[in-house]
């Protein structure tokens, strides 16, 4: 157990998802590691490599010295190049090498989390040589491993855990970014409201309100006259918000009421992960 309750929430979510990932990939045959996932440009092996690499960085391990190929079409900015380094260095690793490194990394990381005594506001390592609070670091790791667990489940045909502890972290993480999508990116008019109605394993209704100055906020109260109401299932919501599908590919799973142009603009900017 960690000392601080807020950190324990993220540690529990991370543990649930990372153990699920281990269970998913341990029995895979060599060829199955090459299956394409919904994460652009990444195979099953690539996702596991990413998870291993990010956890190693949280452990304080040095980053690999490695030169990326120049023909990786999905690598287009600095953060993607940073993330790709841990992935590309493992692209020729065998299935036993992958599972053994994953198991060893999870053991080390779980021990670190059990013994964590630092305060949530402690500054720790972050990508691109920056720093972030320990609270944010654990929050983002819980979010990241749940999303990648879902990538693996989709690729391997093993759906599940859409209502797990990690799913709750993912829901709150994605909803926190929705006001910017609506107010700034999509340009919703001042003094308007947009309602998001999500059903399925996780059910919730949220209203994004844009004030007179064009600033967005979100709450759980319904709006009597929203400019747009978007209804979808939870799986579609997270896949859209994480950039796993385009709105046109899931149009049959979306219900739109109100201003269609504004709805289209919101959906165009819906993906909020790097």
C-alpha atoms as a PDB file:
ATOM      1  CA  UNK A   1       0.000   0.000   0.000  1.00  0.00           C
ATOM      2  CA  UNK A   2       1.182   3.514  -0.781  1.00  0.00           C
ATOM      3  CA  UNK A   3       1.045   6.173   1.922  1.00  0.00           C
ATOM      4  CA  UNK A   4      -1.345   8.556   0.147  1.00  0.00           C
ATOM      5  CA  UNK A   5      -4.920   7.470  -0.738  1.00  0.00           C
ATOM      6  CA  UNK A   6      -4.971   9.451  -3.986  1.00  0.00           C
ATOM      7  CA  UNK A   7      -1.923   7.556  -5.229  1.00  0.00           C
ATOM      8  CA  UNK A   8      -3.422   4.217  -4.160  1.00  0.00           C
ATOM      9  CA  UNK A   9      -6.345   4.741  -6.535  1.00  0.00           C
ATOM     10  CA  UNK A  10      -3.982   5.016  -9.495  1.00  0.00           C
ATOM     11  CA  UNK A  11      -1.753   2.200  -8.251  1.00  0.00           C
ATOM     12  CA  UNK A  12      -4.750  -0.127  -8.017  1.00  0.00           C
ATOM     13  CA  UNK A  13      -5.940   0.790 -11.511  1.00  0.00           C
ATOM     14  CA  UNK A  14      -2.450   0.330 -12.936  1.00  0.00           C
ATOM     15  CA  UNK A  15      -2.084  -3.051 -11.235  1.00  0.00           C
ATOM     16  CA  UNK A  16      -5.386  -4.324 -12.610  1.00  0.00           C
ATOM     17  CA  UNK A  17      -4.553  -3.289 -16.180  1.00  0.00           C
ATOM     18  CA  UNK A  18      -0.909  -4.376 -16.190  1.00  0.00           C
ATOM     19  CA  UNK A  19      -1.856  -7.814 -14.862  1.00  0.00           C
ATOM     20  CA  UNK A  20      -4.505  -8.072 -17.576  1.00  0.00           C
ATOM     21  CA  UNK A  21      -1.927  -7.190 -20.226  1.00  0.00           C
ATOM     22  CA  UNK A  22       0.407  -9.877 -18.895  1.00  0.00           C
ATOM     23  CA  UNK A  23      -2.379 -12.472 -18.999  1.00  0.00           C
ATOM     24  CA  UNK A  24      -3.273 -11.478 -22.566  1.00  0.00           C
ATOM     25  CA  UNK A  25       0.212 -11.715 -24.072  1.00  0.00           C
ATOM     26  CA  UNK A  26       1.908 -14.517 -22.125  1.00  0.00           C
ATOM     27  CA  UNK A  27       0.297 -17.350 -24.131  1.00  0.00           C
ATOM     28  CA  UNK A  28       0.735 -15.720 -27.558  1.00  0.00           C
ATOM     29  CA  UNK A  29       2.529 -17.560 -30.345  1.00  0.00           C
ATOM     30  CA  UNK A  30       5.421 -15.771 -32.054  1.00  0.00           C
ATOM     31  CA  UNK A  31       3.367 -14.638 -35.048  1.00  0.00           C
ATOM     32  CA  UNK A  32       0.603 -13.154 -32.918  1.00  0.00           C
ATOM     33  CA  UNK A  33       3.006 -10.527 -31.592  1.00  0.00           C
ATOM     34  CA  UNK A  34       2.961  -8.940 -35.054  1.00  0.00           C
ATOM     35  CA  UNK A  35      -0.793  -8.364 -35.154  1.00  0.00           C
ATOM     36  CA  UNK A  36      -1.866  -4.829 -35.961  1.00  0.00           C
ATOM     37  CA  UNK A  37      -3.589  -2.912 -33.168  1.00  0.00           C
ATOM     38  CA  UNK A  38      -5.882   0.157 -33.260  1.00  0.00           C
ATOM     39  CA  UNK A  39      -2.935   2.261 -32.035  1.00  0.00           C
ATOM     40  CA  UNK A  40      -1.586   3.841 -35.261  1.00  0.00           C
ATOM     41  CA  UNK A  41       1.588   2.162 -36.492  1.00  0.00           C
ATOM     42  CA  UNK A  42       1.929  -0.224 -33.560  1.00  0.00           C
ATOM     43  CA  UNK A  43       1.693  -4.016 -33.352  1.00  0.00           C
ATOM     44  CA  UNK A  44       1.025  -6.104 -30.251  1.00  0.00           C
ATOM     45  CA  UNK A  45       4.805  -6.275 -29.708  1.00  0.00           C
ATOM     46  CA  UNK A  46       5.116  -2.505 -30.098  1.00  0.00           C
ATOM     47  CA  UNK A  47       2.473  -1.786 -27.467  1.00  0.00           C
ATOM     48  CA  UNK A  48       4.058  -4.143 -24.957  1.00  0.00           C
ATOM     49  CA  UNK A  49       7.448  -2.574 -25.740  1.00  0.00           C
ATOM     50  CA  UNK A  50       6.001   0.867 -25.060  1.00  0.00           C
ATOM     51  CA  UNK A  51       4.521  -0.245 -21.755  1.00  0.00           C
ATOM     52  CA  UNK A  52       7.816  -1.827 -20.686  1.00  0.00           C
ATOM     53  CA  UNK A  53       9.790   1.244 -21.720  1.00  0.00           C
ATOM     54  CA  UNK A  54       7.573   3.760 -19.917  1.00  0.00           C
ATOM     55  CA  UNK A  55       7.572   1.710 -16.717  1.00  0.00           C
ATOM     56  CA  UNK A  56      11.375   1.405 -16.893  1.00  0.00           C
ATOM     57  CA  UNK A  57      11.606   5.175 -17.125  1.00  0.00           C
ATOM     58  CA  UNK A  58       9.436   5.533 -14.006  1.00  0.00           C
ATOM     59  CA  UNK A  59      11.899   3.178 -12.321  1.00  0.00           C
ATOM     60  CA  UNK A  60      14.738   5.528 -13.267  1.00  0.00           C
ATOM     61  CA  UNK A  61      16.377   3.268 -15.855  1.00  0.00           C
ATOM     62  CA  UNK A  62      18.402   5.031 -18.576  1.00  0.00           C
ATOM     63  CA  UNK A  63      16.817   5.384 -21.981  1.00  0.00           C
ATOM     64  CA  UNK A  64      18.255   3.189 -24.755  1.00  0.00           C
ATOM     65  CA  UNK A  65      20.841   4.606 -27.134  1.00  0.00           C
ATOM     66  CA  UNK A  66      19.190   3.960 -30.465  1.00  0.00           C
ATOM     67  CA  UNK A  67      18.672   5.643 -33.853  1.00  0.00           C
ATOM     68  CA  UNK A  68      15.174   5.534 -35.308  1.00  0.00           C
ATOM     69  CA  UNK A  69      14.606   4.578 -38.953  1.00  0.00           C
ATOM     70  CA  UNK A  70      13.496   7.480 -41.134  1.00  0.00           C
ATOM     71  CA  UNK A  71      10.549   5.683 -42.743  1.00  0.00           C
ATOM     72  CA  UNK A  72       8.194   5.441 -39.744  1.00  0.00           C
ATOM     73  CA  UNK A  73       5.157   7.223 -41.172  1.00  0.00           C
ATOM     74  CA  UNK A  74       3.336   7.413 -37.837  1.00  0.00           C
ATOM     75  CA  UNK A  75       6.194   9.318 -36.135  1.00  0.00           C
ATOM     76  CA  UNK A  76       5.616  12.990 -36.880  1.00  0.00           C
ATOM     77  CA  UNK A  77       6.592  15.029 -33.822  1.00  0.00           C
ATOM     78  CA  UNK A  78       8.953  15.117 -30.851  1.00  0.00           C
ATOM     79  CA  UNK A  79       6.701  13.294 -28.393  1.00  0.00           C
ATOM     80  CA  UNK A  80       6.084  10.513 -30.916  1.00  0.00           C
ATOM     81  CA  UNK A  81       9.815  10.214 -31.570  1.00  0.00           C
ATOM     82  CA  UNK A  82      10.418  10.031 -27.841  1.00  0.00           C
ATOM     83  CA  UNK A  83       7.859   7.257 -27.400  1.00  0.00           C
ATOM     84  CA  UNK A  84       9.024   5.344 -30.469  1.00  0.00           C
ATOM     85  CA  UNK A  85      12.569   4.907 -29.149  1.00  0.00           C
ATOM     86  CA  UNK A  86      11.530   2.359 -26.499  1.00  0.00           C
ATOM     87  CA  UNK A  87       9.392   0.601 -29.118  1.00  0.00           C
ATOM     88  CA  UNK A  88      11.783   0.370 -32.045  1.00  0.00           C
ATOM     89  CA  UNK A  89      14.669  -0.914 -29.931  1.00  0.00           C
ATOM     90  CA  UNK A  90      12.561  -4.019 -29.134  1.00  0.00           C
ATOM     91  CA  UNK A  91      11.079  -4.644 -32.591  1.00  0.00           C
ATOM     92  CA  UNK A  92      13.187  -7.762 -33.186  1.00  0.00           C
ATOM     93  CA  UNK A  93      12.758  -9.261 -29.722  1.00  0.00           C
ATOM     94  CA  UNK A  94      11.264 -12.752 -29.580  1.00  0.00           C
ATOM     95  CA  UNK A  95       8.094 -13.688 -27.709  1.00  0.00           C
ATOM     96  CA  UNK A  96      10.027 -15.201 -24.763  1.00  0.00           C
ATOM     97  CA  UNK A  97      12.216 -12.096 -24.562  1.00  0.00           C
ATOM     98  CA  UNK A  98       9.138  -9.862 -24.500  1.00  0.00           C
ATOM     99  CA  UNK A  99       7.226 -11.810 -21.866  1.00  0.00           C
ATOM    100  CA  UNK A 100      10.245 -12.221 -19.591  1.00  0.00           C
ATOM    101  CA  UNK A 101      11.109  -8.510 -19.735  1.00  0.00           C
ATOM    102  CA  UNK A 102       7.474  -7.573 -19.125  1.00  0.00           C
ATOM    103  CA  UNK A 103       7.250  -9.894 -16.114  1.00  0.00           C
ATOM    104  CA  UNK A 104      10.509  -8.591 -14.631  1.00  0.00           C
ATOM    105  CA  UNK A 105       9.514  -4.949 -15.188  1.00  0.00           C
ATOM    106  CA  UNK A 106       6.090  -5.452 -13.602  1.00  0.00           C
ATOM    107  CA  UNK A 107       7.667  -7.093 -10.544  1.00  0.00           C
ATOM    108  CA  UNK A 108      10.081  -4.184 -10.109  1.00  0.00           C
ATOM    109  CA  UNK A 109       7.406  -1.557 -10.659  1.00  0.00           C
ATOM    110  CA  UNK A 110       4.883  -3.200  -8.347  1.00  0.00           C
ATOM    111  CA  UNK A 111       7.520  -3.277  -5.621  1.00  0.00           C
ATOM    112  CA  UNK A 112       8.238   0.408  -6.185  1.00  0.00           C
ATOM    113  CA  UNK A 113       4.546   1.272  -5.873  1.00  0.00           C
ATOM    114  CA  UNK A 114       4.087  -0.833  -2.723  1.00  0.00           C
ATOM    115  CA  UNK A 115       6.968   1.009  -1.081  1.00  0.00           C
ATOM    116  CA  UNK A 116       6.075   4.469  -2.405  1.00  0.00           C
ATOM    117  CA  UNK A 117       6.384   7.005   0.416  1.00  0.00           C
ATOM    118  CA  UNK A 118       6.862  10.220  -1.539  1.00  0.00           C
ATOM    119  CA  UNK A 119       4.226  12.947  -1.403  1.00  0.00           C
ATOM    120  CA  UNK A 120       1.884  13.301  -4.412  1.00  0.00           C
ATOM    121  CA  UNK A 121       3.378  16.695  -5.274  1.00  0.00           C
ATOM    122  CA  UNK A 122       6.941  15.328  -5.527  1.00  0.00           C
ATOM    123  CA  UNK A 123       8.444  16.133  -8.928  1.00  0.00           C
ATOM    124  CA  UNK A 124       9.499  13.067 -10.948  1.00  0.00           C
ATOM    125  CA  UNK A 125      10.765  12.236 -14.417  1.00  0.00           C
ATOM    126  CA  UNK A 126       8.543  12.960 -17.417  1.00  0.00           C
ATOM    127  CA  UNK A 127       8.998  12.584 -21.209  1.00  0.00           C
ATOM    128  CA  UNK A 128      11.312  14.871 -23.180  1.00  0.00           C
ATOM    129  CA  UNK A 129      13.498  15.639 -20.174  1.00  0.00           C
ATOM    130  CA  UNK A 130      10.733  17.439 -18.290  1.00  0.00           C
ATOM    131  CA  UNK A 131       9.249  16.814 -14.846  1.00  0.00           C
ATOM    132  CA  UNK A 132       5.761  16.222 -13.506  1.00  0.00           C
ATOM    133  CA  UNK A 133       4.227  15.552 -10.108  1.00  0.00           C
ATOM    134  CA  UNK A 134       4.166  11.984  -8.833  1.00  0.00           C
ATOM    135  CA  UNK A 135       0.369  12.215  -8.685  1.00  0.00           C
ATOM    136  CA  UNK A 136       0.188  13.120 -12.377  1.00  0.00           C
ATOM    137  CA  UNK A 137       2.762  10.482 -13.328  1.00  0.00           C
ATOM    138  CA  UNK A 138       0.796   7.677 -11.676  1.00  0.00           C
ATOM    139  CA  UNK A 139      -2.464   9.052 -13.085  1.00  0.00           C
ATOM    140  CA  UNK A 140      -1.076   9.009 -16.622  1.00  0.00           C
ATOM    141  CA  UNK A 141       0.425   5.525 -16.236  1.00  0.00           C
ATOM    142  CA  UNK A 142      -2.941   4.158 -15.050  1.00  0.00           C
ATOM    143  CA  UNK A 143      -4.651   5.825 -18.012  1.00  0.00           C
ATOM    144  CA  UNK A 144      -2.030   4.706 -20.513  1.00  0.00           C
ATOM    145  CA  UNK A 145      -1.938   1.041 -19.547  1.00  0.00           C
ATOM    146  CA  UNK A 146      -5.750   0.770 -19.593  1.00  0.00           C
ATOM    147  CA  UNK A 147      -5.979   2.264 -23.086  1.00  0.00           C
ATOM    148  CA  UNK A 148      -3.229  -0.053 -24.330  1.00  0.00           C
ATOM    149  CA  UNK A 149      -4.893  -3.022 -22.635  1.00  0.00           C
ATOM    150  CA  UNK A 150      -7.946  -2.202 -24.758  1.00  0.00           C
ATOM    151  CA  UNK A 151      -5.758  -1.925 -27.882  1.00  0.00           C
ATOM    152  CA  UNK A 152      -4.466  -5.427 -27.195  1.00  0.00           C
ATOM    153  CA  UNK A 153      -7.939  -6.792 -26.480  1.00  0.00           C
ATOM    154  CA  UNK A 154      -9.185  -5.434 -29.788  1.00  0.00           C
ATOM    155  CA  UNK A 155      -6.236  -6.841 -31.729  1.00  0.00           C
ATOM    156  CA  UNK A 156      -6.459 -10.259 -30.068  1.00  0.00           C
ATOM    157  CA  UNK A 157     -10.249 -10.561 -30.015  1.00  0.00           C
ATOM    158  CA  UNK A 158     -10.589 -10.657 -26.214  1.00  0.00           C
ATOM    159  CA  UNK A 159     -12.952  -7.830 -25.183  1.00  0.00           C
ATOM    160  CA  UNK A 160     -13.314  -6.986 -21.514  1.00  0.00           C
ATOM    161  CA  UNK A 161     -12.549  -4.657 -18.592  1.00  0.00           C
ATOM    162  CA  UNK A 162     -14.543  -1.774 -20.034  1.00  0.00           C
ATOM    163  CA  UNK A 163     -15.721  -1.032 -16.473  1.00  0.00           C
ATOM    164  CA  UNK A 164     -12.474  -1.785 -14.618  1.00  0.00           C
ATOM    165  CA  UNK A 165     -10.668   0.635 -12.254  1.00  0.00           C
ATOM    166  CA  UNK A 166      -8.559   1.758 -15.204  1.00  0.00           C
ATOM    167  CA  UNK A 167     -11.704   2.527 -17.205  1.00  0.00           C
ATOM    168  CA  UNK A 168     -12.836   4.933 -14.480  1.00  0.00           C
ATOM    169  CA  UNK A 169      -9.474   6.705 -14.609  1.00  0.00           C
ATOM    170  CA  UNK A 170      -9.725   6.874 -18.405  1.00  0.00           C
ATOM    171  CA  UNK A 171     -13.250   8.293 -18.251  1.00  0.00           C
ATOM    172  CA  UNK A 172     -12.232  11.109 -15.915  1.00  0.00           C
ATOM    173  CA  UNK A 173      -9.041  11.815 -17.887  1.00  0.00           C
ATOM    174  CA  UNK A 174     -10.858  12.115 -21.196  1.00  0.00           C
ATOM    175  CA  UNK A 175     -13.756  14.150 -19.808  1.00  0.00           C
ATOM    176  CA  UNK A 176     -11.333  16.664 -18.294  1.00  0.00           C
ATOM    177  CA  UNK A 177     -10.132  17.464 -21.806  1.00  0.00           C
ATOM    178  CA  UNK A 178     -13.584  17.835 -23.335  1.00  0.00           C
ATOM    179  CA  UNK A 179     -14.180  21.529 -22.449  1.00  0.00           C
ATOM    180  CA  UNK A 180     -11.166  22.546 -24.550  1.00  0.00           C
ATOM    181  CA  UNK A 181     -12.403  20.412 -27.452  1.00  0.00           C
ATOM    182  CA  UNK A 182     -15.820  22.065 -27.371  1.00  0.00           C
ATOM    183  CA  UNK A 183     -14.994  25.672 -26.493  1.00  0.00           C
ATOM    184  CA  UNK A 184     -11.627  26.260 -28.129  1.00  0.00           C
ATOM    185  CA  UNK A 185     -11.040  23.614 -30.805  1.00  0.00           C
ATOM    186  CA  UNK A 186     -14.604  23.337 -32.134  1.00  0.00           C
ATOM    187  CA  UNK A 187     -15.436  26.986 -31.428  1.00  0.00           C
ATOM    188  CA  UNK A 188     -18.796  26.467 -29.731  1.00  0.00           C
ATOM    189  CA  UNK A 189     -20.556  29.832 -29.346  1.00  0.00           C
ATOM    190  CA  UNK A 190     -20.598  31.738 -26.065  1.00  0.00           C
ATOM    191  CA  UNK A 191     -23.399  30.907 -23.633  1.00  0.00           C
ATOM    192  CA  UNK A 192     -24.043  27.526 -25.229  1.00  0.00           C
ATOM    193  CA  UNK A 193     -24.160  24.004 -23.850  1.00  0.00           C
ATOM    194  CA  UNK A 194     -23.248  20.627 -25.335  1.00  0.00           C
ATOM    195  CA  UNK A 195     -24.520  17.416 -23.757  1.00  0.00           C
ATOM    196  CA  UNK A 196     -22.659  14.101 -23.885  1.00  0.00           C
ATOM    197  CA  UNK A 197     -24.818  11.052 -23.128  1.00  0.00           C
ATOM    198  CA  UNK A 198     -22.804   7.831 -22.796  1.00  0.00           C
ATOM    199  CA  UNK A 199     -24.253   4.366 -22.178  1.00  0.00           C
ATOM    200  CA  UNK A 200     -22.841   0.865 -21.861  1.00  0.00           C
ATOM    201  CA  UNK A 201     -20.471  -0.607 -19.227  1.00  0.00           C
ATOM    202  CA  UNK A 202     -19.861   2.941 -17.995  1.00  0.00           C
ATOM    203  CA  UNK A 203     -22.891   5.221 -18.108  1.00  0.00           C
ATOM    204  CA  UNK A 204     -22.701   8.961 -17.577  1.00  0.00           C
ATOM    205  CA  UNK A 205     -24.162  12.256 -18.741  1.00  0.00           C
ATOM    206  CA  UNK A 206     -22.045  15.397 -18.833  1.00  0.00           C
ATOM    207  CA  UNK A 207     -22.711  18.956 -19.989  1.00  0.00           C
ATOM    208  CA  UNK A 208     -19.999  21.201 -21.371  1.00  0.00           C
ATOM    209  CA  UNK A 209     -20.946  24.845 -20.864  1.00  0.00           C
ATOM    210  CA  UNK A 210     -19.317  27.725 -22.707  1.00  0.00           C
ATOM    211  CA  UNK A 211     -19.530  31.002 -20.811  1.00  0.00           C
ATOM    212  CA  UNK A 212     -19.802  34.555 -22.133  1.00  0.00           C
ATOM    213  CA  UNK A 213     -16.007  34.783 -22.517  1.00  0.00           C
ATOM    214  CA  UNK A 214     -15.832  31.533 -24.498  1.00  0.00           C
ATOM    215  CA  UNK A 215     -14.382  29.426 -21.670  1.00  0.00           C
ATOM    216  CA  UNK A 216     -15.557  25.854 -21.293  1.00  0.00           C
ATOM    217  CA  UNK A 217     -16.427  23.923 -18.137  1.00  0.00           C
ATOM    218  CA  UNK A 218     -18.002  20.536 -17.492  1.00  0.00           C
ATOM    219  CA  UNK A 219     -20.517  19.255 -14.949  1.00  0.00           C
ATOM    220  CA  UNK A 220     -23.040  16.486 -14.441  1.00  0.00           C
ATOM    221  CA  UNK A 221     -26.190  18.631 -14.599  1.00  0.00           C
ATOM    222  CA  UNK A 222     -28.472  18.338 -17.633  1.00  0.00           C
ATOM    223  CA  UNK A 223     -29.091  21.278 -19.951  1.00  0.00           C
ATOM    224  CA  UNK A 224     -32.628  22.226 -20.968  1.00  0.00           C
ATOM    225  CA  UNK A 225     -31.645  23.629 -24.350  1.00  0.00           C
ATOM    226  CA  UNK A 226     -28.286  22.279 -25.536  1.00  0.00           C
ATOM    227  CA  UNK A 227     -26.885  23.356 -28.875  1.00  0.00           C
ATOM    228  CA  UNK A 228     -25.775  19.753 -29.471  1.00  0.00           C
ATOM    229  CA  UNK A 229     -26.453  16.410 -27.828  1.00  0.00           C
ATOM    230  CA  UNK A 230     -24.046  13.579 -28.627  1.00  0.00           C
ATOM    231  CA  UNK A 231     -25.068  10.055 -27.584  1.00  0.00           C
ATOM    232  CA  UNK A 232     -22.831   6.994 -27.931  1.00  0.00           C
ATOM    233  CA  UNK A 233     -21.676   3.902 -26.074  1.00  0.00           C
ATOM    234  CA  UNK A 234     -18.633   4.019 -23.790  1.00  0.00           C
ATOM    235  CA  UNK A 235     -16.431   1.936 -26.091  1.00  0.00           C
ATOM    236  CA  UNK A 236     -17.097   4.309 -28.992  1.00  0.00           C
ATOM    237  CA  UNK A 237     -16.420   7.316 -26.775  1.00  0.00           C
ATOM    238  CA  UNK A 238     -13.010   6.170 -25.577  1.00  0.00           C
ATOM    239  CA  UNK A 239     -11.997   4.953 -29.059  1.00  0.00           C
ATOM    240  CA  UNK A 240     -12.882   8.331 -30.580  1.00  0.00           C
ATOM    241  CA  UNK A 241     -11.252  10.327 -27.771  1.00  0.00           C
ATOM    242  CA  UNK A 242      -8.074   8.226 -27.964  1.00  0.00           C
ATOM    243  CA  UNK A 243      -7.829   8.516 -31.755  1.00  0.00           C
ATOM    244  CA  UNK A 244      -8.438   4.824 -32.404  1.00  0.00           C
ATOM    245  CA  UNK A 245     -11.264   5.420 -34.895  1.00  0.00           C
ATOM    246  CA  UNK A 246     -12.526   8.288 -37.008  1.00  0.00           C
ATOM    247  CA  UNK A 247     -16.102   9.545 -36.553  1.00  0.00           C
ATOM    248  CA  UNK A 248     -17.034   8.381 -40.059  1.00  0.00           C
ATOM    249  CA  UNK A 249     -16.091   4.802 -39.158  1.00  0.00           C
ATOM    250  CA  UNK A 250     -18.522   4.697 -36.211  1.00  0.00           C
ATOM    251  CA  UNK A 251     -21.315   6.883 -37.575  1.00  0.00           C
ATOM    252  CA  UNK A 252     -23.814   4.081 -36.958  1.00  0.00           C
ATOM    253  CA  UNK A 253     -22.938   4.164 -33.242  1.00  0.00           C
ATOM    254  CA  UNK A 254     -23.394   7.937 -32.878  1.00  0.00           C
ATOM    255  CA  UNK A 255     -26.638   9.812 -32.327  1.00  0.00           C
ATOM    256  CA  UNK A 256     -26.488  13.549 -32.946  1.00  0.00           C
ATOM    257  CA  UNK A 257     -29.175  16.083 -32.108  1.00  0.00           C
ATOM    258  CA  UNK A 258     -29.023  19.834 -32.648  1.00  0.00           C
ATOM    259  CA  UNK A 259     -26.523  21.904 -34.635  1.00  0.00           C
ATOM    260  CA  UNK A 260     -25.002  19.408 -37.079  1.00  0.00           C
ATOM    261  CA  UNK A 261     -22.129  21.687 -38.113  1.00  0.00           C
ATOM    262  CA  UNK A 262     -21.076  22.229 -34.503  1.00  0.00           C
ATOM    263  CA  UNK A 263     -21.424  18.514 -33.804  1.00  0.00           C
ATOM    264  CA  UNK A 264     -19.189  17.745 -36.790  1.00  0.00           C
ATOM    265  CA  UNK A 265     -16.588  20.246 -35.545  1.00  0.00           C
ATOM    266  CA  UNK A 266     -16.614  18.683 -32.065  1.00  0.00           C
ATOM    267  CA  UNK A 267     -16.209  15.185 -33.485  1.00  0.00           C
ATOM    268  CA  UNK A 268     -13.425  16.386 -35.782  1.00  0.00           C
ATOM    269  CA  UNK A 269     -11.419  17.508 -32.728  1.00  0.00           C
ATOM    270  CA  UNK A 270     -12.572  14.712 -30.422  1.00  0.00           C
ATOM    271  CA  UNK A 271      -9.258  12.856 -30.239  1.00  0.00           C
ATOM    272  CA  UNK A 272      -7.267  14.273 -27.321  1.00  0.00           C
ATOM    273  CA  UNK A 273      -4.357  11.825 -26.873  1.00  0.00           C
ATOM    274  CA  UNK A 274      -0.937  12.516 -28.488  1.00  0.00           C
END
